[in-house]
């Protein structure tokens, strides 16, 4: 991905090395705090719900710390929320520069309408599915870089658990269910997560079946973000660029397209049935 444009204005990407350095910083600070309290990695792990290997990998910068992890080590080491604060910086820094503006728009939206033709939307991805996508899409990146990008992607999902979450309406092409990303176990977990999220009152998931044939969005995926007191923003991502569009004529066209996609897609429960049918292919 090369750049993000807001109606033609570019925001250039960088190599992402800052994300790696922040992950290393988190691990180094964790090690120092642990040693200051004369605790071994195994002892620290015993005061949390995480294993020795998980704590060790975070210290070494090989694994991305989660918000619950930061909270638990803060409690175990009596650090007054230090690691939660560091993590917030890690997560913000882990997002690629080209996506920073898009992430801010997404976080402020009160309604998210998205059509995804190839993969599950980032707000609904499991960790394993997201990691598999990143590895496939960035074959030359190091494990550390992949984990840093993963942290940024997963941090976006925190908005769904906030006190005032947006309403997420996700239309997924049936191809999303049938494409084996990461292997059967990863796909089974991902489809189970979709079924779980479909029970969330703030989430609607529809599947656009193959039987729908040609449709209005055969050109690809797009997302509409809606806000309380300002116009919608359209987000369209391509191979080498991403665009934030605010032109009224483009927004009206996107809204009409989304209405047509909703009409062509299966209702909620029928969509869940199709997800369950696809799930069988990964569990039998």
Protein backbone atom coordinates (compact mmCIF):
# COMPACT_ATOMS: atom_id res chain seq x y z
CA UNK A 1 0.00 0.00 0.00
CA UNK A 2 1.54 3.27 -1.07
CA UNK A 3 -0.58 6.23 0.02
CA UNK A 4 -3.92 7.50 1.25
CA UNK A 5 -5.77 10.27 -0.51
CA UNK A 6 -8.55 12.52 0.73
CA UNK A 7 -10.16 13.58 -2.53
CA UNK A 8 -6.70 13.70 -4.10
CA UNK A 9 -4.51 14.84 -1.18
CA UNK A 10 -1.80 12.27 -0.47
CA UNK A 11 -0.59 11.05 2.90
CA UNK A 12 2.62 9.16 2.18
CA UNK A 13 3.54 5.95 3.93
CA UNK A 14 6.79 5.18 5.75
CA UNK A 15 8.57 1.89 6.29
CA UNK A 16 6.78 1.20 9.57
CA UNK A 17 9.92 0.77 11.66
CA UNK A 18 8.41 2.88 14.45
CA UNK A 19 5.89 0.13 15.14
CA UNK A 20 8.66 -2.37 15.67
CA UNK A 21 10.58 -0.02 17.98
CA UNK A 22 7.51 0.59 20.12
CA UNK A 23 6.89 -3.13 20.50
CA UNK A 24 10.52 -3.58 21.52
CA UNK A 25 10.14 -0.68 23.95
CA UNK A 26 7.08 -2.28 25.55
CA UNK A 27 8.96 -5.56 26.00
CA UNK A 28 12.06 -3.87 27.41
CA UNK A 29 10.03 -1.82 29.89
CA UNK A 30 8.18 -4.94 30.97
CA UNK A 31 11.45 -6.77 31.59
CA UNK A 32 12.86 -3.85 33.61
CA UNK A 33 9.72 -3.55 35.73
CA UNK A 34 9.70 -7.29 36.37
CA UNK A 35 13.38 -7.37 37.34
CA UNK A 36 12.93 -4.33 39.59
CA UNK A 37 10.44 -6.39 41.58
CA UNK A 38 12.81 -9.36 41.51
CA UNK A 39 10.33 -11.57 39.69
CA UNK A 40 11.12 -14.19 37.07
CA UNK A 41 9.11 -14.46 33.88
CA UNK A 42 7.48 -17.58 35.26
CA UNK A 43 6.54 -15.80 38.49
CA UNK A 44 5.04 -12.88 36.58
CA UNK A 45 3.05 -15.27 34.40
CA UNK A 46 1.71 -17.00 37.52
CA UNK A 47 0.20 -13.69 38.64
CA UNK A 48 -1.68 -13.34 35.34
CA UNK A 49 -3.86 -15.51 33.13
CA UNK A 50 -1.04 -15.74 30.57
CA UNK A 51 1.52 -18.51 30.09
CA UNK A 52 5.27 -18.28 30.57
CA UNK A 53 5.73 -18.46 26.80
CA UNK A 54 3.26 -15.65 26.15
CA UNK A 55 4.93 -13.32 28.65
CA UNK A 56 8.38 -14.25 27.36
CA UNK A 57 7.38 -13.55 23.76
CA UNK A 58 5.98 -10.12 24.64
CA UNK A 59 9.18 -9.22 26.49
CA UNK A 60 11.20 -10.27 23.45
CA UNK A 61 9.03 -8.21 21.10
CA UNK A 62 7.90 -11.32 19.25
CA UNK A 63 4.23 -11.06 20.20
CA UNK A 64 1.77 -8.21 20.30
CA UNK A 65 0.51 -7.37 23.81
CA UNK A 66 -3.25 -7.03 24.18
CA UNK A 67 -5.18 -4.59 26.34
CA UNK A 68 -6.09 -7.32 28.90
CA UNK A 69 -2.41 -8.36 29.00
CA UNK A 70 -1.31 -4.79 29.75
CA UNK A 71 -3.96 -4.47 32.46
CA UNK A 72 -2.91 -7.73 34.12
CA UNK A 73 0.82 -6.99 34.17
CA UNK A 74 0.06 -3.51 35.51
CA UNK A 75 -1.81 -5.15 38.38
CA UNK A 76 0.83 -7.85 38.95
CA UNK A 77 3.72 -5.35 38.95
CA UNK A 78 1.79 -2.50 40.62
CA UNK A 79 2.84 -0.08 37.89
CA UNK A 80 -0.17 2.22 38.08
CA UNK A 81 -1.40 1.70 34.53
CA UNK A 82 1.98 2.31 32.90
CA UNK A 83 1.75 -0.61 30.48
CA UNK A 84 -1.81 0.25 29.49
CA UNK A 85 -0.59 3.73 28.58
CA UNK A 86 2.39 2.38 26.63
CA UNK A 87 0.10 -0.03 24.80
CA UNK A 88 -2.19 2.76 23.65
CA UNK A 89 0.85 4.38 22.06
CA UNK A 90 1.95 1.07 20.56
CA UNK A 91 -1.44 0.51 18.97
CA UNK A 92 -1.67 4.03 17.57
CA UNK A 93 1.86 3.77 16.16
CA UNK A 94 1.30 0.31 14.72
CA UNK A 95 -1.23 1.51 12.15
CA UNK A 96 0.44 2.18 8.79
CA UNK A 97 0.75 5.88 8.01
CA UNK A 98 -1.48 5.57 4.97
CA UNK A 99 -4.28 4.23 7.21
CA UNK A 100 -3.93 6.68 10.11
CA UNK A 101 -6.51 9.10 8.69
CA UNK A 102 -8.89 6.29 7.81
CA UNK A 103 -8.60 4.82 11.31
CA UNK A 104 -9.52 8.18 12.86
CA UNK A 105 -12.56 8.45 10.61
CA UNK A 106 -13.59 4.90 11.47
CA UNK A 107 -13.22 5.47 15.22
CA UNK A 108 -15.46 8.56 15.12
CA UNK A 109 -18.26 7.03 13.04
CA UNK A 110 -21.67 6.29 14.54
CA UNK A 111 -22.52 3.94 11.68
CA UNK A 112 -20.27 1.79 9.49
CA UNK A 113 -21.63 0.27 6.29
CA UNK A 114 -19.19 -1.94 4.44
CA UNK A 115 -19.22 -4.31 1.50
CA UNK A 116 -16.31 -6.76 1.36
CA UNK A 117 -15.75 -8.80 -1.78
CA UNK A 118 -12.62 -10.75 -0.81
CA UNK A 119 -11.95 -10.94 2.94
CA UNK A 120 -13.65 -10.31 6.29
CA UNK A 121 -13.71 -6.65 7.31
CA UNK A 122 -10.98 -5.67 9.78
CA UNK A 123 -13.46 -4.93 12.57
CA UNK A 124 -14.62 -8.55 12.46
CA UNK A 125 -11.35 -10.43 11.89
CA UNK A 126 -9.96 -12.89 14.41
CA UNK A 127 -6.31 -12.57 15.37
CA UNK A 128 -5.29 -15.72 13.49
CA UNK A 129 -7.21 -14.72 10.35
CA UNK A 130 -5.75 -11.22 10.39
CA UNK A 131 -2.23 -12.59 10.88
CA UNK A 132 -2.68 -14.98 7.94
CA UNK A 133 -3.86 -12.12 5.71
CA UNK A 134 -0.92 -9.93 6.68
CA UNK A 135 1.59 -12.71 6.07
CA UNK A 136 0.10 -13.45 2.66
CA UNK A 137 -0.07 -9.80 1.67
CA UNK A 138 3.37 -8.80 2.96
CA UNK A 139 5.63 -11.79 2.21
CA UNK A 140 8.85 -9.78 2.60
CA UNK A 141 8.03 -8.31 6.01
CA UNK A 142 9.64 -9.66 9.18
CA UNK A 143 7.65 -11.42 11.87
CA UNK A 144 8.14 -8.38 14.10
CA UNK A 145 6.68 -6.09 11.44
CA UNK A 146 3.72 -8.40 10.88
CA UNK A 147 3.01 -8.48 14.62
CA UNK A 148 3.20 -4.68 14.78
CA UNK A 149 0.71 -4.31 11.94
CA UNK A 150 -1.48 -6.93 13.59
CA UNK A 151 -1.55 -4.87 16.77
CA UNK A 152 -2.80 -1.87 14.84
CA UNK A 153 -5.46 -3.86 13.04
CA UNK A 154 -6.80 -5.49 16.19
CA UNK A 155 -6.79 -2.18 18.07
CA UNK A 156 -9.47 -0.92 15.69
CA UNK A 157 -11.86 -3.52 17.09
CA UNK A 158 -11.86 -1.86 20.52
CA UNK A 159 -14.44 0.60 19.20
CA UNK A 160 -17.03 -2.21 19.04
CA UNK A 161 -16.60 -2.79 22.78
CA UNK A 162 -16.74 0.89 23.71
CA UNK A 163 -19.55 2.52 25.70
CA UNK A 164 -20.97 4.03 22.51
CA UNK A 165 -20.11 1.60 19.71
CA UNK A 166 -21.00 2.37 16.11
CA UNK A 167 -23.64 0.33 14.33
CA UNK A 168 -21.77 -1.96 11.94
CA UNK A 169 -23.58 -3.28 8.87
CA UNK A 170 -21.31 -5.67 6.99
CA UNK A 171 -22.18 -7.28 3.67
CA UNK A 172 -19.75 -10.06 2.79
CA UNK A 173 -19.57 -11.75 -0.58
CA UNK A 174 -19.99 -15.52 -0.33
CA UNK A 175 -16.43 -15.77 -1.66
CA UNK A 176 -15.24 -14.44 1.71
CA UNK A 177 -16.66 -17.55 3.39
CA UNK A 178 -15.28 -19.99 0.83
CA UNK A 179 -11.73 -18.62 0.51
CA UNK A 180 -9.52 -20.68 2.91
CA UNK A 181 -7.37 -18.06 4.61
CA UNK A 182 -4.85 -19.58 7.01
CA UNK A 183 -6.18 -23.13 6.78
CA UNK A 184 -9.31 -24.93 8.02
CA UNK A 185 -8.84 -24.22 11.74
CA UNK A 186 -8.32 -20.50 11.18
CA UNK A 187 -11.35 -20.30 8.90
CA UNK A 188 -13.53 -22.27 11.30
CA UNK A 189 -12.64 -19.88 14.11
CA UNK A 190 -13.31 -16.87 11.86
CA UNK A 191 -16.71 -18.10 10.74
CA UNK A 192 -17.66 -18.90 14.32
CA UNK A 193 -16.68 -15.34 15.21
CA UNK A 194 -18.96 -14.01 12.48
CA UNK A 195 -21.85 -16.02 13.90
CA UNK A 196 -21.05 -14.69 17.36
CA UNK A 197 -20.83 -11.09 16.15
CA UNK A 198 -24.13 -11.49 14.31
CA UNK A 199 -25.78 -11.81 17.74
CA UNK A 200 -24.45 -8.39 18.74
CA UNK A 201 -27.31 -5.84 18.63
CA UNK A 202 -24.90 -3.32 17.11
CA UNK A 203 -23.83 -5.61 14.27
CA UNK A 204 -25.69 -6.78 11.18
CA UNK A 205 -24.02 -9.30 8.87
CA UNK A 206 -25.45 -10.16 5.47
CA UNK A 207 -24.03 -12.51 2.88
CA UNK A 208 -24.25 -11.73 -0.83
CA UNK A 209 -24.61 -15.24 -2.30
CA UNK A 210 -23.05 -16.46 -5.52
CA UNK A 211 -26.62 -16.94 -6.76
CA UNK A 212 -27.05 -13.16 -6.84
CA UNK A 213 -24.92 -13.13 -9.98
CA UNK A 214 -23.62 -9.81 -11.30
CA UNK A 215 -24.23 -6.90 -8.96
CA UNK A 216 -23.57 -3.21 -8.49
CA UNK A 217 -20.24 -3.64 -6.65
CA UNK A 218 -18.39 -6.10 -8.87
CA UNK A 219 -15.58 -3.52 -9.02
CA UNK A 220 -14.68 -4.19 -5.37
CA UNK A 221 -15.07 -3.38 -1.69
CA UNK A 222 -16.02 -0.06 -0.15
CA UNK A 223 -17.00 1.38 3.23
CA UNK A 224 -19.28 4.26 4.23
CA UNK A 225 -18.78 5.99 7.59
CA UNK A 226 -21.62 8.12 8.98
CA UNK A 227 -21.34 10.74 11.75
CA UNK A 228 -23.59 12.67 14.10
CA UNK A 229 -22.98 16.19 12.82
CA UNK A 230 -21.09 16.02 9.55
CA UNK A 231 -21.38 14.38 6.13
CA UNK A 232 -20.54 10.77 5.41
CA UNK A 233 -17.10 9.66 4.25
CA UNK A 234 -16.54 6.97 1.64
CA UNK A 235 -13.44 4.77 1.97
CA UNK A 236 -12.15 2.81 -1.01
CA UNK A 237 -8.93 0.79 -0.81
CA UNK A 238 -6.94 -0.49 -3.76
CA UNK A 239 -3.68 -2.33 -4.31
CA UNK A 240 -1.46 0.76 -4.17
CA UNK A 241 -3.68 3.46 -2.69
CA UNK A 242 -6.57 4.24 -0.38
CA UNK A 243 -9.05 7.06 -0.83
CA UNK A 244 -11.24 9.02 1.57
CA UNK A 245 -14.02 10.55 -0.52
CA UNK A 246 -16.33 13.37 0.59
CA UNK A 247 -17.75 14.54 -2.74
CA UNK A 248 -21.55 14.63 -2.53
CA UNK A 249 -22.11 12.95 -5.89
CA UNK A 250 -19.76 10.07 -5.00
CA UNK A 251 -21.41 9.61 -1.60
CA UNK A 252 -24.88 9.50 -3.13
CA UNK A 253 -23.73 6.89 -5.64
CA UNK A 254 -22.14 4.80 -2.87
CA UNK A 255 -25.27 4.97 -0.71
CA UNK A 256 -27.43 3.83 -3.62
CA UNK A 257 -25.01 1.00 -4.34
CA UNK A 258 -25.16 -0.10 -0.72
CA UNK A 259 -28.96 -0.06 -0.74
CA UNK A 260 -28.93 -2.31 -3.80
CA UNK A 261 -26.42 -4.66 -2.19
CA UNK A 262 -28.60 -4.94 0.91
CA UNK A 263 -31.57 -5.84 -1.27
CA UNK A 264 -29.56 -8.48 -3.17
CA UNK A 265 -28.08 -10.06 -0.02
CA UNK A 266 -29.64 -12.73 2.17
CA UNK A 267 -31.59 -11.66 5.28
CA UNK A 268 -29.80 -11.97 8.61
CA UNK A 269 -30.87 -15.49 9.61
CA UNK A 270 -30.48 -16.87 6.09
CA UNK A 271 -27.02 -15.32 6.02
CA UNK A 272 -26.21 -17.09 9.28
CA UNK A 273 -27.37 -20.36 7.72
CA UNK A 274 -24.97 -19.85 4.81
CA UNK A 275 -22.12 -19.11 7.24
CA UNK A 276 -22.92 -22.36 9.08
CA UNK A 277 -22.95 -24.24 5.79
CA UNK A 278 -19.51 -22.85 4.91
CA UNK A 279 -18.29 -23.68 8.42
CA UNK A 280 -19.05 -27.36 7.85
CA UNK A 281 -16.52 -27.37 5.04
CA UNK A 282 -13.76 -26.45 7.50
CA UNK A 283 -14.76 -28.78 10.34
CA UNK A 284 -15.59 -32.06 8.57
